[in-house]
Amino acid sequence: MTIAPSSYYAVKTRPPSARQQRDEQLIPQLRALWQGNYRVYGARKLWKAARRAGHDIGRDQVARLMRAAGIQGVRRGRQIRTTRPDPAAPRHPDLVKRNFTAKEPNQLWVTDLTYVPTWSGVAYVCFIVDVYSRMIVGWRVAGHMRTEMVLDAIEMARWSRGTRIDGLRCHSDAGSQFTSIRYGERLAEIGATPSIGTVGDSFDNALAETVNGYYKAELIYGPGRPGPWRTVEDVELATLGWVHWHNTARLHGYLGDLPPAEYEATFYATKRTDQPLAGIQ
């Protein structure tokens, strides 16, 4: 097919359309949002983040611009269990029965362990998650998976949420760390009751394993990772930053695409407005 020179140069010198100009403005802004969120957001969450940032943009448009920019969201892979049950240890009853819901903060926490291979050894990670808001209220990274690391995570949760939290249930699997006497005693100190799911059944601690899953996908093996993890301390430092992002900026579909801190702030603000004002004597 032969194209007339006049037609070729007319197209080549034609000024960009309004759509092209807007695309050229939006792509760097979307890329910055994507990079600022550990490069893990797909089209839906990047669209939500863009709307929260004040951009008037549609979801299909975000998907198209992501393709044009060569960026994509992260995908989660299969999880490997790290905790091992102690058949000789007495087990706490299952107080959750796979009902991972709560009406307010500090009613139900879930916890589990995962691990990260490094050049200097294995880093074990423990998260404690508030079911109501998905807030990570306590965590610990260590070069061992003894009960002490779980107790450290509980101590962090204790000081972030209050030294006494009566009525709280803390659910886990049947790993030996969670059936130990010291674990039960530490929970009793803050007014919490331990709960353990069925041995060997991942569905009985599904929420905690979900958090471990996207932690691995978004940080440990995510596109924004610095490279092979060299030391346990490197994992710990990176986890510190990820937990802060998770709690204050990460959009959670379960929470109506709000970060946990914002979701809890809305709960407490609503609770305050529901209380009657004291009369002035």
Foldseek 3Di string as FASTA:
>chain_A
DDDDPVVVVCVVPPDDDPVVVVLVVVLVVLVVVCVVQLLADALVLSVVVCVVVPDPDDSVRSNVSCVVVVGGHWDWDDADADFDADVVFDADAAPCQLPLEDPAWQQEKEKGKDWAQAQVAIKIKMFIATSHQRAGQFMFIDRDDALVRVLRRVVSSCVSPHVARANHEYEYERGPSCRDPVNQVSCVRRNYHYHYDDHPDCSSRVVNVVVVRVCCRSEVVDPNYPDGHHDSVSVVVSVVVNSVCQQQPQQDVVQVGHHSVVSNVVVVVVVVVVDDDDDDD
